[in-house]
Amino acid sequence: MIEVNNYVYKKEVDWSLLHQGLTIPLDIQVVFQNAINEFLPKGSSKDIYLVLEGKTYKAKLINQKFNEEKYTNRKSILQIRYNTQSEIAERFRDIFIVSYRYILEQRNNISENKRKHIKIPDEQREYLAIYTTEYLDTYLLECITQEDMRIIKEAMVREDEREYEASINYSIIDPFATITTMNQLVKIRKLNRAIGENLKLLYNFCCQICGKNISKKYGVDIVETHHIDPFVESLNNNAENQIIVCPNHHRTIHKARPIFDRRKLIYIYSNGIEERIILDKHLSKTKN
């Protein structure tokens, strides 16, 4: 049995994914970035294996060459590629049939030069989650379809945000969920937890608000992930909706419910106190 190691990417389904592959941004993929330099030097490619629903498919991982003097902040451009007639491309089109039909309909109604910019509406989006495994050349894939999102949304209506985030940070499982709901919750919790664990590594287990690793002197790392927009309402587990905070700040935010100014990256409390995000390696790249 293949053991999941770390999360790599949550990709929104688009035409490219359904036909020839995807590009993996590596801005916050700490563990994967370190491993890939040894596995695949710039300008080279290797065969890799994608495991989906228990079946293994062959694809190619490409580490693209680029002008490092021009793009000084970019570490790598990694692409996963496969043929549009390949088994995995066909399987993606079967699984993500709702997205595929929507994009096809839109492509038939617009000019060719606009086709690559087709975006699926927020409420209809589907996703592919990619995880590394114990093998450098093997990745585990999980599909999050509209049906998955519907089941998760119904389950989240009954969830308290603090209890949900505790389940992410401390692996708490709801024993009362039905099997169908449990399968979807396990899938989404695993993704949430994996994204959060990667961010914890990015910030070296320090709180983004106070800048401290409050448990370091005790020889342990205790830090938590927090969803800026509550996940039970937004269903948004992308990295730009998560921050890393110490338990003290996490409980304060949930209790006081400050307003978050995403443009300034400041929490504004009802008594007038403001606290700025002082550690930022991922939010400023995606803020509006």
Protein backbone atom coordinates (compact mmCIF):
# COMPACT_ATOMS: atom_id res chain seq x y z
CA MET A 1 0.00 0.00 0.00
CA ILE A 2 1.35 3.43 -0.97
CA GLU A 3 1.88 5.81 1.93
CA VAL A 4 0.89 9.46 1.46
CA ASN A 5 3.74 11.78 2.36
CA ASN A 6 2.93 15.46 1.68
CA TYR A 7 0.48 17.56 -0.25
CA VAL A 8 1.67 19.11 -3.50
CA TYR A 9 -1.17 21.01 -5.11
CA LYS A 10 -4.91 21.56 -5.24
CA LYS A 11 -5.70 22.24 -8.88
CA GLU A 12 -8.94 23.68 -10.21
CA VAL A 13 -10.20 21.61 -13.12
CA ASP A 14 -9.66 23.30 -16.49
CA TRP A 15 -9.23 22.36 -20.14
CA SER A 16 -5.51 21.69 -19.77
CA LEU A 17 -5.98 19.26 -16.87
CA LEU A 18 -8.62 17.37 -18.84
CA HIS A 19 -6.37 16.96 -21.87
CA GLN A 20 -2.62 17.34 -21.46
CA GLY A 21 -1.55 18.16 -17.92
CA LEU A 22 -0.87 20.97 -15.47
CA THR A 23 1.80 23.26 -14.09
CA ILE A 24 2.65 22.99 -10.37
CA PRO A 25 3.47 26.31 -8.68
CA LEU A 26 6.09 25.74 -6.00
CA ASP A 27 6.01 28.99 -4.01
CA ILE A 28 4.95 27.29 -0.76
CA GLN A 29 5.72 23.62 -1.42
CA VAL A 30 8.59 23.41 1.05
CA VAL A 31 9.16 19.65 1.29
CA PHE A 32 8.47 18.98 -2.37
CA GLN A 33 10.82 21.77 -3.51
CA ASN A 34 13.71 20.30 -1.51
CA ALA A 35 13.11 16.79 -2.83
CA ILE A 36 12.59 17.70 -6.47
CA ASN A 37 16.02 19.33 -6.86
CA GLU A 38 17.66 15.97 -6.21
CA PHE A 39 15.15 14.00 -8.27
CA LEU A 40 14.86 16.20 -11.35
CA PRO A 41 17.43 18.89 -12.33
CA LYS A 42 16.27 21.95 -14.32
CA GLY A 43 15.84 21.32 -18.03
CA SER A 44 15.20 17.59 -17.64
CA SER A 45 12.20 15.28 -17.47
CA LYS A 46 11.37 11.88 -16.02
CA ASP A 47 8.59 9.33 -16.19
CA ILE A 48 6.36 9.43 -13.13
CA TYR A 49 3.38 7.41 -11.93
CA LEU A 50 0.00 8.82 -10.98
CA VAL A 51 -2.19 6.67 -8.74
CA LEU A 52 -5.90 7.38 -9.11
CA GLU A 53 -8.67 5.21 -7.62
CA GLY A 54 -6.17 2.42 -7.04
CA LYS A 55 -4.96 2.36 -10.66
CA THR A 56 -1.52 3.52 -11.79
CA TYR A 57 -0.98 5.68 -14.89
CA LYS A 58 2.30 6.80 -16.46
CA ALA A 59 2.95 10.50 -17.12
CA LYS A 60 5.97 12.78 -17.42
CA LEU A 61 7.34 15.32 -14.94
CA ILE A 62 9.20 18.22 -16.58
CA ASN A 63 11.41 20.74 -14.77
CA GLN A 64 11.39 23.60 -17.27
CA LYS A 65 14.39 25.80 -17.89
CA PHE A 66 13.78 29.53 -17.53
CA ASN A 67 15.73 32.79 -17.27
CA GLU A 68 16.75 32.84 -13.60
CA GLU A 69 18.15 36.38 -13.87
CA LYS A 70 14.80 37.66 -15.14
CA TYR A 71 12.65 35.62 -12.74
CA THR A 72 14.76 35.87 -9.58
CA ASN A 73 11.96 34.87 -7.21
CA ARG A 74 11.00 31.73 -9.12
CA LYS A 75 12.49 28.43 -8.00
CA SER A 76 11.17 26.00 -10.58
CA ILE A 77 8.53 25.54 -13.24
CA LEU A 78 7.28 21.98 -12.92
CA GLN A 79 4.80 20.42 -15.30
CA ILE A 80 2.99 17.09 -15.28
CA ARG A 81 2.26 16.06 -18.85
CA TYR A 82 0.25 13.30 -20.57
CA ASN A 83 -1.36 12.77 -23.96
CA THR A 84 -4.95 13.87 -24.60
CA GLN A 85 -5.80 10.30 -25.71
CA SER A 86 -4.09 8.75 -22.67
CA GLU A 87 -6.07 6.67 -20.20
CA ILE A 88 -5.66 9.16 -17.40
CA ALA A 89 -6.88 12.09 -19.53
CA GLU A 90 -9.92 10.06 -20.50
CA ARG A 91 -10.51 9.13 -16.86
CA PHE A 92 -10.33 12.78 -15.80
CA ARG A 93 -12.94 13.67 -18.43
CA ASP A 94 -15.19 10.90 -17.08
CA ILE A 95 -14.79 11.92 -13.42
CA PHE A 96 -15.05 15.65 -14.05
CA ILE A 97 -17.83 15.31 -16.63
CA VAL A 98 -19.71 18.36 -15.28
CA SER A 99 -16.69 20.64 -15.74
CA TYR A 100 -15.88 19.06 -19.10
CA ARG A 101 -19.37 19.68 -20.46
CA TYR A 102 -19.39 23.25 -19.18
CA ILE A 103 -16.04 24.08 -20.80
CA LEU A 104 -17.05 22.41 -24.07
CA GLU A 105 -20.25 24.46 -24.21
CA GLN A 106 -18.35 27.68 -23.54
CA ARG A 107 -15.68 26.86 -26.12
CA ASN A 108 -18.33 26.36 -28.76
CA ASN A 109 -19.70 29.85 -28.11
CA ILE A 110 -16.54 31.97 -28.11
CA SER A 111 -13.64 32.70 -30.44
CA GLU A 112 -10.58 30.46 -30.44
CA ASN A 113 -8.22 33.08 -28.92
CA LYS A 114 -10.42 33.36 -25.80
CA ARG A 115 -10.85 29.65 -25.16
CA LYS A 116 -7.83 29.24 -22.91
CA HIS A 117 -9.25 31.77 -20.45
CA ILE A 118 -12.50 29.95 -19.68
CA LYS A 119 -13.14 29.93 -15.94
CA ILE A 120 -15.70 27.68 -14.30
CA PRO A 121 -18.02 29.57 -11.89
CA ASP A 122 -17.08 29.30 -8.20
CA GLU A 123 -20.14 27.27 -7.27
CA GLN A 124 -19.44 24.72 -10.02
CA ARG A 125 -15.70 24.22 -9.60
CA GLU A 126 -14.13 20.80 -9.19
CA TYR A 127 -10.61 20.04 -8.01
CA LEU A 128 -7.73 17.60 -8.23
CA ALA A 129 -5.57 17.13 -5.11
CA ILE A 130 -2.01 15.84 -5.63
CA TYR A 131 0.02 14.18 -2.88
CA THR A 132 3.59 12.97 -2.85
CA THR A 133 4.22 9.46 -1.59
CA GLU A 134 7.14 7.54 -0.13
CA TYR A 135 8.39 7.14 -3.73
CA LEU A 136 9.84 10.22 -5.48
CA ASP A 137 8.38 9.17 -8.83
CA THR A 138 4.86 8.34 -7.60
CA TYR A 139 1.96 10.69 -6.79
CA LEU A 140 -1.44 9.96 -5.32
CA LEU A 141 -4.38 11.80 -6.87
CA GLU A 142 -7.79 12.52 -5.34
CA CYS A 143 -10.68 14.07 -7.22
CA ILE A 144 -13.10 16.46 -5.55
CA THR A 145 -16.21 16.60 -7.72
CA GLN A 146 -19.34 18.72 -7.51
CA GLU A 147 -21.09 15.81 -5.83
CA ASP A 148 -18.32 15.67 -3.22
CA MET A 149 -18.71 19.42 -2.66
CA ARG A 150 -22.48 19.06 -2.28
CA ILE A 151 -22.11 16.37 0.39
CA ILE A 152 -19.40 18.35 2.19
CA LYS A 153 -21.49 21.53 2.11
CA GLU A 154 -24.46 19.73 3.65
CA ALA A 155 -22.23 18.28 6.37
CA MET A 156 -20.58 21.63 7.10
CA VAL A 157 -23.94 23.25 7.90
CA ARG A 158 -23.93 21.28 11.14
CA GLU A 159 -20.25 21.92 11.94
CA ASP A 160 -18.89 24.49 14.36
CA GLU A 161 -15.82 26.23 12.90
CA ARG A 162 -13.75 25.84 16.07
CA GLU A 163 -14.55 22.15 16.32
CA TYR A 164 -13.84 21.66 12.62
CA GLU A 165 -10.45 23.37 12.87
CA ALA A 166 -9.65 21.25 15.94
CA SER A 167 -10.35 18.18 13.80
CA ILE A 168 -7.82 19.46 11.27
CA ASN A 169 -5.11 20.42 13.73
CA TYR A 170 -5.48 17.44 16.04
CA SER A 171 -6.92 14.65 13.85
CA ILE A 172 -10.32 14.45 15.56
CA ILE A 173 -12.85 12.27 13.71
CA ASP A 174 -16.64 12.64 13.88
CA PRO A 175 -17.94 9.18 14.88
CA PHE A 176 -21.55 10.03 14.08
CA ALA A 177 -21.22 10.81 10.36
CA THR A 178 -22.68 8.40 7.81
CA ILE A 179 -20.28 6.34 5.71
CA THR A 180 -20.98 8.44 2.58
CA THR A 181 -20.46 11.70 4.42
CA MET A 182 -17.44 10.35 6.29
CA ASN A 183 -15.68 9.44 3.03
CA GLN A 184 -16.01 13.00 1.77
CA LEU A 185 -15.11 14.58 5.11
CA VAL A 186 -11.98 12.43 5.40
CA LYS A 187 -10.97 13.51 1.89
CA ILE A 188 -11.46 17.23 2.56
CA ARG A 189 -9.96 17.10 6.07
CA LYS A 190 -6.89 15.34 4.72
CA LEU A 191 -6.46 18.08 2.13
CA ASN A 192 -6.99 20.85 4.70
CA ARG A 193 -4.53 19.25 7.08
CA ALA A 194 -1.93 18.69 4.35
CA ILE A 195 -2.09 22.31 3.16
CA GLY A 196 -1.82 23.49 6.77
CA GLU A 197 1.14 21.23 7.55
CA ASN A 198 2.99 22.60 4.54
CA LEU A 199 2.34 26.16 5.73
CA LYS A 200 3.58 25.27 9.21
CA LEU A 201 6.87 24.17 7.66
CA LEU A 202 7.00 27.35 5.56
CA TYR A 203 6.80 29.47 8.73
CA ASN A 204 9.01 27.14 10.79
CA PHE A 205 6.14 26.64 13.27
CA CYS A 206 6.00 30.36 14.10
CA CYS A 207 2.78 32.35 14.54
CA GLN A 208 2.23 34.76 11.64
CA ILE A 209 0.80 37.36 14.04
CA CYS A 210 3.24 37.39 16.98
CA GLY A 211 6.14 35.85 15.06
CA LYS A 212 6.91 33.38 17.84
CA ASN A 213 7.21 29.62 18.18
CA ILE A 214 5.83 29.63 21.72
CA SER A 215 6.64 25.99 22.42
CA LYS A 216 10.15 25.82 20.99
CA LYS A 217 11.87 26.16 24.37
CA TYR A 218 10.08 22.99 25.48
CA GLY A 219 11.46 21.04 22.53
CA VAL A 220 8.11 20.72 20.73
CA ASP A 221 6.25 22.56 17.97
CA ILE A 222 2.68 23.63 18.73
CA VAL A 223 1.08 25.87 16.14
CA GLU A 224 -2.31 25.75 14.44
CA THR A 225 -3.93 26.56 11.11
CA HIS A 226 -6.81 29.03 10.93
CA HIS A 227 -9.19 29.70 8.03
CA ILE A 228 -9.57 33.43 7.41
CA ASP A 229 -13.01 32.91 5.89
CA PRO A 230 -14.61 30.12 7.96
CA PHE A 231 -14.33 26.86 6.06
CA VAL A 232 -17.79 25.70 7.18
CA GLU A 233 -19.19 28.65 5.20
CA SER A 234 -16.71 29.20 2.37
CA LEU A 235 -15.46 25.62 1.73
CA ASN A 236 -12.25 27.40 0.77
CA ASN A 237 -9.19 25.44 1.87
CA ASN A 238 -6.74 27.10 -0.51
CA ALA A 239 -3.50 28.33 1.05
CA GLU A 240 -4.54 31.98 0.68
CA ASN A 241 -7.45 31.30 3.06
CA GLN A 242 -5.24 29.78 5.76
CA ILE A 243 -2.81 31.33 8.22
CA ILE A 244 -0.55 29.81 10.87
CA VAL A 245 -1.16 31.04 14.42
CA CYS A 246 -0.20 30.11 17.97
CA PRO A 247 -2.98 28.59 20.12
CA ASN A 248 -3.35 31.88 22.04
CA HIS A 249 -4.02 33.94 18.94
CA HIS A 250 -6.21 31.21 17.47
CA ARG A 251 -8.54 31.17 20.46
CA THR A 252 -8.57 34.97 20.63
CA ILE A 253 -9.61 35.26 16.98
CA HIS A 254 -12.46 32.78 17.41
CA LYS A 255 -13.63 34.46 20.63
CA ALA A 256 -13.33 38.09 19.56
CA ARG A 257 -14.19 37.62 15.87
CA PRO A 258 -12.11 40.51 14.49
CA ILE A 259 -12.49 41.74 10.92
CA PHE A 260 -9.63 40.78 8.61
CA ASP A 261 -8.47 43.46 6.16
CA ARG A 262 -7.01 41.31 3.41
CA ARG A 263 -5.48 44.25 1.57
CA LYS A 264 -3.53 45.46 4.61
CA LEU A 265 -3.23 41.99 6.21
CA ILE A 266 -4.53 43.34 9.53
CA TYR A 267 -7.00 41.96 12.07
CA ILE A 268 -9.23 44.75 13.42
CA TYR A 269 -10.91 44.09 16.78
CA SER A 270 -14.15 45.68 17.98
CA ASN A 271 -12.32 47.55 20.78
CA GLY A 272 -10.07 49.28 18.22
CA ILE A 273 -6.99 47.10 18.58
CA GLU A 274 -5.28 46.16 15.30
CA GLU A 275 -2.84 43.29 14.78
CA ARG A 276 -0.84 42.93 11.61
CA ILE A 277 0.33 39.73 9.96
CA ILE A 278 4.07 40.20 10.50
CA LEU A 279 5.21 36.96 8.85
CA ASP A 280 3.99 36.66 5.28
CA LYS A 281 5.41 34.31 2.68
CA HIS A 282 2.18 33.38 0.92
CA LEU A 283 -0.72 35.81 1.53
CA SER A 284 0.61 38.88 -0.28
CA LYS A 285 0.96 36.89 -3.49
CA THR A 286 -2.79 36.25 -3.64
CA LYS A 287 -4.42 39.17 -1.84
CA ASN A 288 -6.83 41.37 -3.79
